[in-house]
Amino acid sequence: MVTTSDIWCIARAVISQHCEHAELHAAQRADALLAEGELEGYRMWKGVLAAIIAIQQPKPSHGERVN
């Protein structure tokens, strides 16, 4: 079973390997696994994709108001 911690570690590794293409890589992996009927792997890669998106979100500047 893949833990939430595992998802975040995988996301960071994918970002390190694929830089600005990390989201695309994770989405392609998820799509390929779904096409093969591998639902567990599909769900894992969708989680990795969500983590990549969260990690790559711009951070607010010091003192910037967040709504």
Protein backbone atom coordinates (compact mmCIF):
# COMPACT_ATOMS: atom_id res chain seq x y z
CA MET A 1 0.00 0.00 0.00
CA VAL A 2 1.29 3.44 -0.94
CA THR A 3 1.17 6.00 1.85
CA THR A 4 0.62 9.74 1.60
CA SER A 5 4.27 10.19 2.51
CA ASP A 6 5.22 7.93 -0.41
CA ILE A 7 3.11 10.04 -2.78
CA TRP A 8 4.91 13.22 -1.74
CA CYS A 9 8.33 11.56 -2.06
CA ILE A 10 7.46 10.30 -5.54
CA ALA A 11 6.17 13.76 -6.50
CA ARG A 12 9.44 15.39 -5.43
CA ALA A 13 11.44 12.78 -7.35
CA VAL A 14 9.36 13.30 -10.49
CA ILE A 15 9.87 17.07 -10.22
CA SER A 16 13.63 16.52 -9.86
CA GLN A 17 13.73 14.27 -12.91
CA HIS A 18 11.27 16.02 -15.20
CA CYS A 19 11.39 19.67 -14.03
CA GLU A 20 8.73 21.71 -15.85
CA HIS A 21 7.37 18.54 -17.46
CA ALA A 22 6.63 16.81 -14.14
CA GLU A 23 2.85 17.36 -14.34
CA LEU A 24 2.74 16.00 -17.88
CA HIS A 25 4.78 12.93 -16.92
CA ALA A 26 2.51 12.11 -13.96
CA ALA A 27 -0.64 12.63 -16.05
CA GLN A 28 0.70 10.38 -18.82
CA ARG A 29 1.59 7.64 -16.30
CA ALA A 30 -1.90 7.86 -14.79
CA ASP A 31 -3.55 7.69 -18.22
CA ALA A 32 -1.43 4.71 -19.29
CA LEU A 33 -2.29 2.78 -16.14
CA LEU A 34 -5.99 3.58 -16.51
CA ALA A 35 -5.89 2.33 -20.10
CA GLU A 36 -4.36 -0.92 -18.82
CA GLY A 37 -7.06 -1.26 -16.18
CA GLU A 38 -4.59 -0.75 -13.33
CA LEU A 39 -6.88 1.29 -11.10
CA GLU A 40 -4.62 1.22 -8.03
CA GLY A 41 -1.68 2.55 -10.03
CA TYR A 42 -3.95 5.10 -11.70
CA ARG A 43 -5.11 6.41 -8.33
CA MET A 44 -1.54 6.58 -7.05
CA TRP A 45 -0.35 8.62 -10.05
CA LYS A 46 -3.36 10.93 -9.77
CA GLY A 47 -2.25 11.53 -6.17
CA VAL A 48 1.30 12.17 -7.37
CA LEU A 49 -0.06 14.63 -9.94
CA ALA A 50 -2.03 16.48 -7.25
CA ALA A 51 1.08 16.64 -5.05
CA ILE A 52 3.19 17.97 -7.94
CA ILE A 53 0.63 20.70 -8.59
CA ALA A 54 0.58 21.62 -4.89
CA ILE A 55 4.39 21.72 -4.67
CA GLN A 56 4.70 23.86 -7.79
CA GLN A 57 2.06 26.42 -6.71
CA PRO A 58 3.58 29.89 -6.37
CA LYS A 59 4.23 30.73 -2.75
CA PRO A 60 2.88 34.02 -1.40
CA SER A 61 5.43 36.76 -0.83
CA HIS A 62 6.28 37.73 2.75
CA GLY A 63 3.39 39.81 4.04
CA GLU A 64 1.19 39.09 1.03
CA ARG A 65 -2.46 38.61 1.91
CA VAL A 66 -3.84 35.15 1.04
CA ASN A 67 -7.57 34.88 0.42
